[in-house]
Amino acid sequence: MSTSTNSIGKSGESSASTHLIKLGFKIIERNWRHRRKEIDIIAEYQDYIVFVEVKTRENNSFGNPEEFVSRKQQRHIIAAADAYITSRDIQKEARFDIIAITNNFGKQEIVHIPDAFYPLL
């Protein structure tokens, strides 16, 4: 990942965290890693432990950011979430959200998709 792409991603994750906090989420972890798998944001919201994948793009010329969360990537997030839940003996129900951020002409658009995918392997 190039430095520019990395900085766009980190900026998007910060915006996503701010967005979630405004909605009443409690951020538990950012960029949590299990082996080679990473979860961008882990948060608590009501009775849920929420695993959030953040996709940030400079524009949507090639499609909306959320369209780029592949089934393979979903399986990786689910596997990492399972490891997180097991290692911390979490008793809350898991939820998988996507936050898609597009920076079109300096205007940031945030789309939050709760329950974006389910842990069906």
PDB file of N, CA and C in Angstrom:
ATOM      1  N   MET A   1       0.838  -1.171   0.000  1.00  0.00           N
ATOM      2  CA  MET A   1       0.000   0.000   0.000  1.00  0.00           C
ATOM      3  C   MET A   1       0.886   1.238   0.000  1.00  0.00           C
ATOM      4  N   SER A   2       0.598   2.153  -0.881  1.00  0.00           N
ATOM      5  CA  SER A   2       1.423   3.354  -0.956  1.00  0.00           C
ATOM      6  C   SER A   2       1.135   4.270   0.230  1.00  0.00           C
ATOM      7  N   THR A   3       2.056   5.196   0.473  1.00  0.00           N
ATOM      8  CA  THR A   3       1.885   6.133   1.580  1.00  0.00           C
ATOM      9  C   THR A   3       0.616   6.949   1.395  1.00  0.00           C
ATOM     10  N   SER A   4       0.341   7.371   0.162  1.00  0.00           N
ATOM     11  CA  SER A   4      -0.850   8.159  -0.111  1.00  0.00           C
ATOM     12  C   SER A   4      -2.107   7.347   0.194  1.00  0.00           C
ATOM     13  N   THR A   5      -2.142   6.110  -0.280  1.00  0.00           N
ATOM     14  CA  THR A   5      -3.284   5.236  -0.029  1.00  0.00           C
ATOM     15  C   THR A   5      -3.421   4.973   1.465  1.00  0.00           C
ATOM     16  N   ASN A   6      -2.292   4.764   2.135  1.00  0.00           N
ATOM     17  CA  ASN A   6      -2.298   4.518   3.571  1.00  0.00           C
ATOM     18  C   ASN A   6      -2.852   5.726   4.328  1.00  0.00           C
ATOM     19  N   SER A   7      -2.435   6.938   3.944  1.00  0.00           N
ATOM     20  CA  SER A   7      -2.917   8.137   4.645  1.00  0.00           C
ATOM     21  C   SER A   7      -4.401   8.365   4.375  1.00  0.00           C
ATOM     22  N   ILE A   8      -4.873   8.050   3.183  1.00  0.00           N
ATOM     23  CA  ILE A   8      -6.303   8.160   2.866  1.00  0.00           C
ATOM     24  C   ILE A   8      -7.088   7.192   3.750  1.00  0.00           C
ATOM     25  N   GLY A   9      -6.572   5.970   3.885  1.00  0.00           N
ATOM     26  CA  GLY A   9      -7.225   4.961   4.715  1.00  0.00           C
ATOM     27  C   GLY A   9      -7.266   5.361   6.179  1.00  0.00           C
ATOM     28  N   LYS A  10      -6.140   5.863   6.701  1.00  0.00           N
ATOM     29  CA  LYS A  10      -6.084   6.281   8.115  1.00  0.00           C
ATOM     30  C   LYS A  10      -7.016   7.462   8.364  1.00  0.00           C
ATOM     31  N   SER A  11      -7.073   8.381   7.428  1.00  0.00           N
ATOM     32  CA  SER A  11      -7.980   9.522   7.549  1.00  0.00           C
ATOM     33  C   SER A  11      -9.431   9.042   7.566  1.00  0.00           C
ATOM     34  N   GLY A  12      -9.734   8.088   6.694  1.00  0.00           N
ATOM     35  CA  GLY A  12     -11.084   7.518   6.652  1.00  0.00           C
ATOM     36  C   GLY A  12     -11.444   6.829   7.949  1.00  0.00           C
ATOM     37  N   GLU A  13     -10.507   6.086   8.525  1.00  0.00           N
ATOM     38  CA  GLU A  13     -10.770   5.398   9.794  1.00  0.00           C
ATOM     39  C   GLU A  13     -11.017   6.399  10.924  1.00  0.00           C
ATOM     40  N   SER A  14     -10.296   7.507  10.914  1.00  0.00           N
ATOM     41  CA  SER A  14     -10.529   8.545  11.923  1.00  0.00           C
ATOM     42  C   SER A  14     -11.916   9.156  11.757  1.00  0.00           C
ATOM     43  N   SER A  15     -12.306   9.436  10.522  1.00  0.00           N
ATOM     44  CA  SER A  15     -13.645   9.981  10.262  1.00  0.00           C
ATOM     45  C   SER A  15     -14.724   8.979  10.663  1.00  0.00           C
ATOM     46  N   ALA A  16     -14.490   7.707  10.367  1.00  0.00           N
ATOM     47  CA  ALA A  16     -15.456   6.664  10.724  1.00  0.00           C
ATOM     48  C   ALA A  16     -15.594   6.561  12.241  1.00  0.00           C
ATOM     49  N   SER A  17     -14.478   6.625  12.958  1.00  0.00           N
ATOM     50  CA  SER A  17     -14.519   6.576  14.421  1.00  0.00           C
ATOM     51  C   SER A  17     -15.324   7.741  14.984  1.00  0.00           C
ATOM     52  N   THR A  18     -15.082   8.933  14.467  1.00  0.00           N
ATOM     53  CA  THR A  18     -15.819  10.118  14.904  1.00  0.00           C
ATOM     54  C   THR A  18     -17.313   9.949  14.637  1.00  0.00           C
ATOM     55  N   HIS A  19     -17.629   9.440  13.468  1.00  0.00           N
ATOM     56  CA  HIS A  19     -19.027   9.192  13.086  1.00  0.00           C
ATOM     57  C   HIS A  19     -19.683   8.221  14.070  1.00  0.00           C
ATOM     58  N   LEU A  20     -18.996   7.127  14.384  1.00  0.00           N
ATOM     59  CA  LEU A  20     -19.551   6.126  15.297  1.00  0.00           C
ATOM     60  C   LEU A  20     -19.746   6.693  16.701  1.00  0.00           C
ATOM     61  N   ILE A  21     -18.770   7.450  17.177  1.00  0.00           N
ATOM     62  CA  ILE A  21     -18.871   8.046  18.517  1.00  0.00           C
ATOM     63  C   ILE A  21     -20.085   8.977  18.593  1.00  0.00           C
ATOM     64  N   LYS A  22     -20.315   9.760  17.539  1.00  0.00           N
ATOM     65  CA  LYS A  22     -21.478  10.659  17.508  1.00  0.00           C
ATOM     66  C   LYS A  22     -22.791   9.881  17.578  1.00  0.00           C
ATOM     67  N   LEU A  23     -22.777   8.639  17.073  1.00  0.00           N
ATOM     68  CA  LEU A  23     -23.982   7.796  17.095  1.00  0.00           C
ATOM     69  C   LEU A  23     -24.137   7.037  18.415  1.00  0.00           C
ATOM     70  N   GLY A  24     -23.149   7.178  19.305  1.00  0.00           N
ATOM     71  CA  GLY A  24     -23.243   6.518  20.594  1.00  0.00           C
ATOM     72  C   GLY A  24     -22.454   5.221  20.714  1.00  0.00           C
ATOM     73  N   PHE A  25     -21.613   4.920  19.744  1.00  0.00           N
ATOM     74  CA  PHE A  25     -20.762   3.739  19.815  1.00  0.00           C
ATOM     75  C   PHE A  25     -19.585   4.017  20.745  1.00  0.00           C
ATOM     76  N   LYS A  26     -19.090   2.992  21.393  1.00  0.00           N
ATOM     77  CA  LYS A  26     -17.877   3.099  22.198  1.00  0.00           C
ATOM     78  C   LYS A  26     -16.775   2.355  21.445  1.00  0.00           C
ATOM     79  N   ILE A  27     -15.747   3.071  21.017  1.00  0.00           N
ATOM     80  CA  ILE A  27     -14.641   2.459  20.277  1.00  0.00           C
ATOM     81  C   ILE A  27     -13.780   1.673  21.261  1.00  0.00           C
ATOM     82  N   ILE A  28     -13.561   0.397  20.965  1.00  0.00           N
ATOM     83  CA  ILE A  28     -12.764  -0.482  21.819  1.00  0.00           C
ATOM     84  C   ILE A  28     -11.351  -0.652  21.255  1.00  0.00           C
ATOM     85  N   GLU A  29     -11.269  -0.855  19.949  1.00  0.00           N
ATOM     86  CA  GLU A  29      -9.978  -1.087  19.282  1.00  0.00           C
ATOM     87  C   GLU A  29     -10.020  -0.462  17.896  1.00  0.00           C
ATOM     88  N   ARG A  30      -8.821  -0.083  17.433  1.00  0.00           N
ATOM     89  CA  ARG A  30      -8.653   0.317  16.029  1.00  0.00           C
ATOM     90  C   ARG A  30      -7.482  -0.470  15.474  1.00  0.00           C
ATOM     91  N   ASN A  31      -7.642  -0.939  14.261  1.00  0.00           N
ATOM     92  CA  ASN A  31      -6.601  -1.697  13.559  1.00  0.00           C
ATOM     93  C   ASN A  31      -6.139  -2.910  14.358  1.00  0.00           C
ATOM     94  N   TRP A  32      -7.098  -3.664  14.868  1.00  0.00           N
ATOM     95  CA  TRP A  32      -6.784  -4.869  15.633  1.00  0.00           C
ATOM     96  C   TRP A  32      -6.387  -5.989  14.679  1.00  0.00           C
ATOM     97  N   ARG A  33      -5.271  -6.632  14.980  1.00  0.00           N
ATOM     98  CA  ARG A  33      -4.736  -7.666  14.099  1.00  0.00           C
ATOM     99  C   ARG A  33      -4.751  -9.030  14.766  1.00  0.00           C
ATOM    100  N   HIS A  34      -5.091 -10.022  13.960  1.00  0.00           N
ATOM    101  CA  HIS A  34      -4.979 -11.432  14.339  1.00  0.00           C
ATOM    102  C   HIS A  34      -4.284 -12.120  13.172  1.00  0.00           C
ATOM    103  N   ARG A  35      -3.061 -12.518  13.435  1.00  0.00           N
ATOM    104  CA  ARG A  35      -2.211 -13.065  12.368  1.00  0.00           C
ATOM    105  C   ARG A  35      -2.146 -12.056  11.236  1.00  0.00           C
ATOM    106  N   ARG A  36      -2.576 -12.418  10.058  1.00  0.00           N
ATOM    107  CA  ARG A  36      -2.480 -11.487   8.925  1.00  0.00           C
ATOM    108  C   ARG A  36      -3.803 -10.795   8.625  1.00  0.00           C
ATOM    109  N   LYS A  37      -4.765 -10.969   9.506  1.00  0.00           N
ATOM    110  CA  LYS A  37      -6.085 -10.380   9.307  1.00  0.00           C
ATOM    111  C   LYS A  37      -6.236  -9.161  10.213  1.00  0.00           C
ATOM    112  N   GLU A  38      -6.935  -8.156   9.716  1.00  0.00           N
ATOM    113  CA  GLU A  38      -7.105  -6.925  10.484  1.00  0.00           C
ATOM    114  C   GLU A  38      -8.564  -6.498  10.494  1.00  0.00           C
ATOM    115  N   ILE A  39      -8.984  -5.969  11.634  1.00  0.00           N
ATOM    116  CA  ILE A  39     -10.300  -5.352  11.746  1.00  0.00           C
ATOM    117  C   ILE A  39     -10.055  -3.867  11.982  1.00  0.00           C
ATOM    118  N   ASP A  40     -10.658  -3.032  11.138  1.00  0.00           N
ATOM    119  CA  ASP A  40     -10.410  -1.594  11.208  1.00  0.00           C
ATOM    120  C   ASP A  40     -10.869  -0.990  12.541  1.00  0.00           C
ATOM    121  N   ILE A  41     -12.113  -1.273  12.918  1.00  0.00           N
ATOM    122  CA  ILE A  41     -12.659  -0.720  14.159  1.00  0.00           C
ATOM    123  C   ILE A  41     -13.480  -1.799  14.864  1.00  0.00           C
ATOM    124  N   ILE A  42     -13.267  -1.906  16.168  1.00  0.00           N
ATOM    125  CA  ILE A  42     -14.109  -2.758  17.002  1.00  0.00           C
ATOM    126  C   ILE A  42     -14.769  -1.829  18.007  1.00  0.00           C
ATOM    127  N   ALA A  43     -16.097  -1.921  18.078  1.00  0.00           N
ATOM    128  CA  ALA A  43     -16.850  -1.012  18.943  1.00  0.00           C
ATOM    129  C   ALA A  43     -17.956  -1.765  19.674  1.00  0.00           C
ATOM    130  N   GLU A  44     -18.455  -1.133  20.716  1.00  0.00           N
ATOM    131  CA  GLU A  44     -19.642  -1.640  21.398  1.00  0.00           C
ATOM    132  C   GLU A  44     -20.778  -0.673  21.105  1.00  0.00           C
ATOM    133  N   TYR A  45     -21.945  -1.239  20.857  1.00  0.00           N
ATOM    134  CA  TYR A  45     -23.130  -0.425  20.625  1.00  0.00           C
ATOM    135  C   TYR A  45     -24.328  -1.199  21.140  1.00  0.00           C
ATOM    136  N   GLN A  46     -24.992  -0.642  22.117  1.00  0.00           N
ATOM    137  CA  GLN A  46     -26.123  -1.298  22.773  1.00  0.00           C
ATOM    138  C   GLN A  46     -25.674  -2.690  23.224  1.00  0.00           C
ATOM    139  N   ASP A  47     -26.339  -3.728  22.768  1.00  0.00           N
ATOM    140  CA  ASP A  47     -26.002  -5.090  23.198  1.00  0.00           C
ATOM    141  C   ASP A  47     -25.079  -5.801  22.215  1.00  0.00           C
ATOM    142  N   TYR A  48     -24.436  -5.064  21.317  1.00  0.00           N
ATOM    143  CA  TYR A  48     -23.617  -5.665  20.263  1.00  0.00           C
ATOM    144  C   TYR A  48     -22.133  -5.360  20.434  1.00  0.00           C
ATOM    145  N   ILE A  49     -21.331  -6.289  19.959  1.00  0.00           N
ATOM    146  CA  ILE A  49     -19.921  -6.015  19.661  1.00  0.00           C
ATOM    147  C   ILE A  49     -19.915  -5.840  18.143  1.00  0.00           C
ATOM    148  N   VAL A  50     -19.432  -4.707  17.678  1.00  0.00           N
ATOM    149  CA  VAL A  50     -19.545  -4.367  16.257  1.00  0.00           C
ATOM    150  C   VAL A  50     -18.153  -4.320  15.625  1.00  0.00           C
ATOM    151  N   PHE A  51     -17.998  -5.074  14.554  1.00  0.00           N
ATOM    152  CA  PHE A  51     -16.752  -5.117  13.796  1.00  0.00           C
ATOM    153  C   PHE A  51     -16.989  -4.316  12.525  1.00  0.00           C
ATOM    154  N   VAL A  52     -16.179  -3.273  12.341  1.00  0.00           N
ATOM    155  CA  VAL A  52     -16.427  -2.318  11.260  1.00  0.00           C
ATOM    156  C   VAL A  52     -15.282  -2.347  10.250  1.00  0.00           C
ATOM    157  N   GLU A  53     -15.644  -2.541   8.998  1.00  0.00           N
ATOM    158  CA  GLU A  53     -14.695  -2.425   7.892  1.00  0.00           C
ATOM    159  C   GLU A  53     -14.893  -1.037   7.288  1.00  0.00           C
ATOM    160  N   VAL A  54     -13.811  -0.285   7.165  1.00  0.00           N
ATOM    161  CA  VAL A  54     -13.875   1.071   6.612  1.00  0.00           C
ATOM    162  C   VAL A  54     -13.234   1.054   5.229  1.00  0.00           C
ATOM    163  N   LYS A  55     -13.962   1.550   4.253  1.00  0.00           N
ATOM    164  CA  LYS A  55     -13.437   1.685   2.892  1.00  0.00           C
ATOM    165  C   LYS A  55     -13.483   3.159   2.522  1.00  0.00           C
ATOM    166  N   THR A  56     -12.336   3.696   2.144  1.00  0.00           N
ATOM    167  CA  THR A  56     -12.244   5.110   1.798  1.00  0.00           C
ATOM    168  C   THR A  56     -11.708   5.239   0.375  1.00  0.00           C
ATOM    169  N   ARG A  57     -12.324   6.096  -0.404  1.00  0.00           N
ATOM    170  CA  ARG A  57     -11.888   6.373  -1.769  1.00  0.00           C
ATOM    171  C   ARG A  57     -11.888   7.880  -1.998  1.00  0.00           C
ATOM    172  N   GLU A  58     -11.023   8.305  -2.887  1.00  0.00           N
ATOM    173  CA  GLU A  58     -10.976   9.729  -3.248  1.00  0.00           C
ATOM    174  C   GLU A  58     -12.190  10.126  -4.087  1.00  0.00           C
ATOM    175  N   ASN A  59     -12.730   9.193  -4.833  1.00  0.00           N
ATOM    176  CA  ASN A  59     -13.937   9.446  -5.612  1.00  0.00           C
ATOM    177  C   ASN A  59     -14.601   8.102  -5.884  1.00  0.00           C
ATOM    178  N   ASN A  60     -15.764   8.139  -6.489  1.00  0.00           N
ATOM    179  CA  ASN A  60     -16.447   6.885  -6.780  1.00  0.00           C
ATOM    180  C   ASN A  60     -16.474   6.578  -8.277  1.00  0.00           C
ATOM    181  N   SER A  61     -15.435   6.985  -8.965  1.00  0.00           N
ATOM    182  CA  SER A  61     -15.340   6.755 -10.405  1.00  0.00           C
ATOM    183  C   SER A  61     -15.400   5.279 -10.763  1.00  0.00           C
ATOM    184  N   PHE A  62     -14.866   4.437  -9.889  1.00  0.00           N
ATOM    185  CA  PHE A  62     -14.829   2.999 -10.169  1.00  0.00           C
ATOM    186  C   PHE A  62     -15.872   2.233  -9.369  1.00  0.00           C
ATOM    187  N   GLY A  63     -16.775   2.933  -8.729  1.00  0.00           N
ATOM    188  CA  GLY A  63     -17.809   2.307  -7.913  1.00  0.00           C
ATOM    189  C   GLY A  63     -17.761   2.833  -6.491  1.00  0.00           C
ATOM    190  N   ASN A  64     -18.796   2.513  -5.752  1.00  0.00           N
ATOM    191  CA  ASN A  64     -18.865   2.942  -4.359  1.00  0.00           C
ATOM    192  C   ASN A  64     -17.923   2.108  -3.500  1.00  0.00           C
ATOM    193  N   PRO A  65     -17.325   2.718  -2.483  1.00  0.00           N
ATOM    194  CA  PRO A  65     -16.322   2.013  -1.669  1.00  0.00           C
ATOM    195  C   PRO A  65     -16.825   0.691  -1.091  1.00  0.00           C
ATOM    196  N   GLU A  66     -18.083   0.657  -0.630  1.00  0.00           N
ATOM    197  CA  GLU A  66     -18.610  -0.560  -0.002  1.00  0.00           C
ATOM    198  C   GLU A  66     -18.652  -1.761  -0.951  1.00  0.00           C
ATOM    199  N   GLU A  67     -18.648  -1.487  -2.241  1.00  0.00           N
ATOM    200  CA  GLU A  67     -18.673  -2.573  -3.232  1.00  0.00           C
ATOM    201  C   GLU A  67     -17.352  -3.337  -3.285  1.00  0.00           C
ATOM    202  N   PHE A  68     -16.325  -2.815  -2.629  1.00  0.00           N
ATOM    203  CA  PHE A  68     -15.006  -3.418  -2.685  1.00  0.00           C
ATOM    204  C   PHE A  68     -14.675  -4.280  -1.473  1.00  0.00           C
ATOM    205  N   VAL A  69     -15.678  -4.604  -0.671  1.00  0.00           N
ATOM    206  CA  VAL A  69     -15.485  -5.548   0.435  1.00  0.00           C
ATOM    207  C   VAL A  69     -15.869  -6.918  -0.115  1.00  0.00           C
ATOM    208  N   SER A  70     -14.855  -7.658  -0.544  1.00  0.00           N
ATOM    209  CA  SER A  70     -15.085  -8.949  -1.195  1.00  0.00           C
ATOM    210  C   SER A  70     -15.541 -10.008  -0.200  1.00  0.00           C
ATOM    211  N   ARG A  71     -16.089 -11.090  -0.703  1.00  0.00           N
ATOM    212  CA  ARG A  71     -16.494 -12.200   0.159  1.00  0.00           C
ATOM    213  C   ARG A  71     -15.274 -12.773   0.883  1.00  0.00           C
ATOM    214  N   LYS A  72     -14.138 -12.819   0.211  1.00  0.00           N
ATOM    215  CA  LYS A  72     -12.905 -13.298   0.845  1.00  0.00           C
ATOM    216  C   LYS A  72     -12.525 -12.389   2.010  1.00  0.00           C
ATOM    217  N   GLN A  73     -12.602 -11.087   1.803  1.00  0.00           N
ATOM    218  CA  GLN A  73     -12.281 -10.142   2.870  1.00  0.00           C
ATOM    219  C   GLN A  73     -13.275 -10.291   4.022  1.00  0.00           C
ATOM    220  N   GLN A  74     -14.538 -10.507   3.702  1.00  0.00           N
ATOM    221  CA  GLN A  74     -15.537 -10.737   4.740  1.00  0.00           C
ATOM    222  C   GLN A  74     -15.169 -11.964   5.572  1.00  0.00           C
ATOM    223  N   ARG A  75     -14.754 -13.042   4.932  1.00  0.00           N
ATOM    224  CA  ARG A  75     -14.351 -14.254   5.655  1.00  0.00           C
ATOM    225  C   ARG A  75     -13.170 -13.966   6.580  1.00  0.00           C
ATOM    226  N   HIS A  76     -12.220 -13.157   6.127  1.00  0.00           N
ATOM    227  CA  HIS A  76     -11.071 -12.784   6.967  1.00  0.00           C
ATOM    228  C   HIS A  76     -11.522 -11.979   8.187  1.00  0.00           C
ATOM    229  N   ILE A  77     -12.421 -11.039   7.980  1.00  0.00           N
ATOM    230  CA  ILE A  77     -12.929 -10.216   9.082  1.00  0.00           C
ATOM    231  C   ILE A  77     -13.681 -11.100  10.073  1.00  0.00           C
ATOM    232  N   ILE A  78     -14.484 -12.010   9.566  1.00  0.00           N
ATOM    233  CA  ILE A  78     -15.250 -12.922  10.419  1.00  0.00           C
ATOM    234  C   ILE A  78     -14.306 -13.803  11.237  1.00  0.00           C
ATOM    235  N   ALA A  79     -13.263 -14.327  10.616  1.00  0.00           N
ATOM    236  CA  ALA A  79     -12.295 -15.178  11.327  1.00  0.00           C
ATOM    237  C   ALA A  79     -11.578 -14.377  12.416  1.00  0.00           C
ATOM    238  N   ALA A  80     -11.176 -13.159  12.097  1.00  0.00           N
ATOM    239  CA  ALA A  80     -10.504 -12.316  13.089  1.00  0.00           C
ATOM    240  C   ALA A  80     -11.474 -11.955  14.218  1.00  0.00           C
ATOM    241  N   ALA A  81     -12.719 -11.676  13.881  1.00  0.00           N
ATOM    242  CA  ALA A  81     -13.727 -11.354  14.894  1.00  0.00           C
ATOM    243  C   ALA A  81     -13.939 -12.539  15.830  1.00  0.00           C
ATOM    244  N   ASP A  82     -13.975 -13.731  15.270  1.00  0.00           N
ATOM    245  CA  ASP A  82     -14.124 -14.937  16.088  1.00  0.00           C
ATOM    246  C   ASP A  82     -12.956 -15.058  17.076  1.00  0.00           C
ATOM    247  N   ALA A  83     -11.743 -14.810  16.592  1.00  0.00           N
ATOM    248  CA  ALA A  83     -10.557 -14.863  17.462  1.00  0.00           C
ATOM    249  C   ALA A  83     -10.655 -13.806  18.560  1.00  0.00           C
ATOM    250  N   TYR A  84     -11.112 -12.619  18.203  1.00  0.00           N
ATOM    251  CA  TYR A  84     -11.249 -11.531  19.190  1.00  0.00           C
ATOM    252  C   TYR A  84     -12.264 -11.910  20.261  1.00  0.00           C
ATOM    253  N   ILE A  85     -13.424 -12.377  19.836  1.00  0.00           N
ATOM    254  CA  ILE A  85     -14.494 -12.758  20.762  1.00  0.00           C
ATOM    255  C   ILE A  85     -14.027 -13.882  21.690  1.00  0.00           C
ATOM    256  N   THR A  86     -13.371 -14.878  21.136  1.00  0.00           N
ATOM    257  CA  THR A  86     -12.890 -16.010  21.920  1.00  0.00           C
ATOM    258  C   THR A  86     -11.817 -15.587  22.911  1.00  0.00           C
ATOM    259  N   SER A  87     -10.856 -14.774  22.454  1.00  0.00           N
ATOM    260  CA  SER A  87      -9.734 -14.387  23.316  1.00  0.00           C
ATOM    261  C   SER A  87     -10.176 -13.501  24.480  1.00  0.00           C
ATOM    262  N   ARG A  88     -11.294 -12.798  24.319  1.00  0.00           N
ATOM    263  CA  ARG A  88     -11.758 -11.884  25.365  1.00  0.00           C
ATOM    264  C   ARG A  88     -13.044 -12.354  26.041  1.00  0.00           C
ATOM    265  N   ASP A  89     -13.475 -13.561  25.688  1.00  0.00           N
ATOM    266  CA  ASP A  89     -14.674 -14.166  26.275  1.00  0.00           C
ATOM    267  C   ASP A  89     -15.856 -13.193  26.248  1.00  0.00           C
ATOM    268  N   ILE A  90     -16.114 -12.632  25.078  1.00  0.00           N
ATOM    269  CA  ILE A  90     -17.193 -11.654  24.900  1.00  0.00           C
ATOM    270  C   ILE A  90     -18.517 -12.392  24.752  1.00  0.00           C
ATOM    271  N   GLN A  91     -19.503 -11.925  25.478  1.00  0.00           N
ATOM    272  CA  GLN A  91     -20.818 -12.572  25.476  1.00  0.00           C
ATOM    273  C   GLN A  91     -21.872 -11.793  24.677  1.00  0.00           C
ATOM    274  N   LYS A  92     -21.458 -10.738  24.022  1.00  0.00           N
ATOM    275  CA  LYS A  92     -22.403  -9.940  23.230  1.00  0.00           C
ATOM    276  C   LYS A  92     -22.560 -10.539  21.838  1.00  0.00           C
ATOM    277  N   GLU A  93     -23.685 -10.224  21.209  1.00  0.00           N
ATOM    278  CA  GLU A  93     -23.916 -10.647  19.830  1.00  0.00           C
ATOM    279  C   GLU A  93     -23.038  -9.806  18.896  1.00  0.00           C
ATOM    280  N   ALA A  94     -22.460 -10.466  17.906  1.00  0.00           N
ATOM    281  CA  ALA A  94     -21.586  -9.774  16.952  1.00  0.00           C
ATOM    282  C   ALA A  94     -22.396  -9.205  15.797  1.00  0.00           C
ATOM    283  N   ARG A  95     -21.907  -8.071  15.304  1.00  0.00           N
ATOM    284  CA  ARG A  95     -22.498  -7.430  14.132  1.00  0.00           C
ATOM    285  C   ARG A  95     -21.363  -6.943  13.253  1.00  0.00           C
ATOM    286  N   PHE A  96     -21.556  -6.994  11.947  1.00  0.00           N
ATOM    287  CA  PHE A  96     -20.536  -6.581  10.988  1.00  0.00           C
ATOM    288  C   PHE A  96     -21.080  -5.425  10.150  1.00  0.00           C
ATOM    289  N   ASP A  97     -20.460  -4.258  10.329  1.00  0.00           N
ATOM    290  CA  ASP A  97     -20.873  -3.053   9.611  1.00  0.00           C
ATOM    291  C   ASP A  97     -19.789  -2.657   8.609  1.00  0.00           C
ATOM    292  N   ILE A  98     -20.195  -1.903   7.623  1.00  0.00           N
ATOM    293  CA  ILE A  98     -19.255  -1.273   6.688  1.00  0.00           C
ATOM    294  C   ILE A  98     -19.501   0.231   6.746  1.00  0.00           C
ATOM    295  N   ILE A  99     -18.423   0.980   6.794  1.00  0.00           N
ATOM    296  CA  ILE A  99     -18.515   2.432   6.633  1.00  0.00           C
ATOM    297  C   ILE A  99     -17.740   2.777   5.366  1.00  0.00           C
ATOM    298  N   ALA A 100     -18.464   3.352   4.413  1.00  0.00           N
ATOM    299  CA  ALA A 100     -17.883   3.743   3.139  1.00  0.00           C
ATOM    300  C   ALA A 100     -17.733   5.263   3.120  1.00  0.00           C
ATOM    301  N   ILE A 101     -16.520   5.707   2.824  1.00  0.00           N
ATOM    302  CA  ILE A 101     -16.234   7.143   2.817  1.00  0.00           C
ATOM    303  C   ILE A 101     -15.704   7.531   1.446  1.00  0.00           C
ATOM    304  N   THR A 102     -16.324   8.544   0.879  1.00  0.00           N
ATOM    305  CA  THR A 102     -15.878   9.066  -0.412  1.00  0.00           C
ATOM    306  C   THR A 102     -15.563  10.541  -0.242  1.00  0.00           C
ATOM    307  N   ASN A 103     -14.398  10.948  -0.726  1.00  0.00           N
ATOM    308  CA  ASN A 103     -13.968  12.347  -0.674  1.00  0.00           C
ATOM    309  C   ASN A 103     -14.107  12.943  -2.065  1.00  0.00           C
ATOM    310  N   ASN A 104     -15.310  13.310  -2.453  1.00  0.00           N
ATOM    311  CA  ASN A 104     -15.553  13.886  -3.770  1.00  0.00           C
ATOM    312  C   ASN A 104     -15.386  15.393  -3.738  1.00  0.00           C
ATOM    313  N   PHE A 105     -14.364  15.872  -4.445  1.00  0.00           N
ATOM    314  CA  PHE A 105     -14.126  17.306  -4.588  1.00  0.00           C
ATOM    315  C   PHE A 105     -14.076  18.004  -3.230  1.00  0.00           C
ATOM    316  N   GLY A 106     -13.391  17.390  -2.282  1.00  0.00           N
ATOM    317  CA  GLY A 106     -13.209  17.983  -0.965  1.00  0.00           C
ATOM    318  C   GLY A 106     -14.395  17.829  -0.030  1.00  0.00           C
ATOM    319  N   LYS A 107     -15.481  17.235  -0.506  1.00  0.00           N
ATOM    320  CA  LYS A 107     -16.655  17.016   0.332  1.00  0.00           C
ATOM    321  C   LYS A 107     -16.715  15.538   0.713  1.00  0.00           C
ATOM    322  N   GLN A 108     -16.667  15.290   2.014  1.00  0.00           N
ATOM    323  CA  GLN A 108     -16.649  13.913   2.493  1.00  0.00           C
ATOM    324  C   GLN A 108     -18.072  13.393   2.661  1.00  0.00           C
ATOM    325  N   GLU A 109     -18.311  12.211   2.092  1.00  0.00           N
ATOM    326  CA  GLU A 109     -19.604  11.548   2.234  1.00  0.00           C
ATOM    327  C   GLU A 109     -19.379  10.255   3.000  1.00  0.00           C
ATOM    328  N   ILE A 110     -20.155  10.058   4.067  1.00  0.00           N
ATOM    329  CA  ILE A 110     -20.041   8.851   4.886  1.00  0.00           C
ATOM    330  C   ILE A 110     -21.335   8.061   4.767  1.00  0.00           C
ATOM    331  N   VAL A 111     -21.197   6.799   4.392  1.00  0.00           N
ATOM    332  CA  VAL A 111     -22.337   5.885   4.325  1.00  0.00           C
ATOM    333  C   VAL A 111     -22.061   4.762   5.315  1.00  0.00           C
ATOM    334  N   HIS A 112     -22.941   4.624   6.300  1.00  0.00           N
ATOM    335  CA  HIS A 112     -22.797   3.587   7.327  1.00  0.00           C
ATOM    336  C   HIS A 112     -23.821   2.500   7.033  1.00  0.00           C
ATOM    337  N   ILE A 113     -23.332   1.277   6.856  1.00  0.00           N
ATOM    338  CA  ILE A 113     -24.204   0.145   6.540  1.00  0.00           C
ATOM    339  C   ILE A 113     -24.155  -0.846   7.705  1.00  0.00           C
ATOM    340  N   PRO A 114     -25.133  -0.762   8.623  1.00  0.00           N
ATOM    341  CA  PRO A 114     -25.187  -1.733   9.709  1.00  0.00           C
ATOM    342  C   PRO A 114     -25.563  -3.110   9.166  1.00  0.00           C
ATOM    343  N   ASP A 115     -25.072  -4.168   9.821  1.00  0.00           N
ATOM    344  CA  ASP A 115     -25.372  -5.541   9.380  1.00  0.00           C
ATOM    345  C   ASP A 115     -25.083  -5.728   7.901  1.00  0.00           C
ATOM    346  N   ALA A 116     -23.940  -5.233   7.448  1.00  0.00           N
ATOM    347  CA  ALA A 116     -23.591  -5.271   6.030  1.00  0.00           C
ATOM    348  C   ALA A 116     -23.379  -6.696   5.525  1.00  0.00           C
ATOM    349  N   PHE A 117     -22.896  -7.562   6.411  1.00  0.00           N
ATOM    350  CA  PHE A 117     -22.755  -8.978   6.065  1.00  0.00           C
ATOM    351  C   PHE A 117     -22.849  -9.807   7.324  1.00  0.00           C
ATOM    352  N   TYR A 118     -23.033 -11.092   7.118  1.00  0.00           N
ATOM    353  CA  TYR A 118     -23.278 -12.005   8.240  1.00  0.00           C
ATOM    354  C   TYR A 118     -22.214 -13.105   8.252  1.00  0.00           C
ATOM    355  N   PRO A 119     -21.939 -13.675   9.425  1.00  0.00           N
ATOM    356  CA  PRO A 119     -20.872 -14.678   9.535  1.00  0.00           C
ATOM    357  C   PRO A 119     -21.257 -16.054   9.002  1.00  0.00           C
ATOM    358  N   LEU A 120     -21.626 -16.107   7.748  1.00  0.00           N
ATOM    359  CA  LEU A 120     -21.901 -17.371   7.082  1.00  0.00           C
ATOM    360  C   LEU A 120     -20.708 -17.718   6.197  1.00  0.00           C
ATOM    361  N   LEU A 121     -19.990 -18.740   6.546  1.00  0.00           N
ATOM    362  CA  LEU A 121     -18.806 -19.111   5.777  1.00  0.00           C
ATOM    363  C   LEU A 121     -19.188 -20.042   4.711  1.00  0.00           C
TER     364      LEU A 121
END
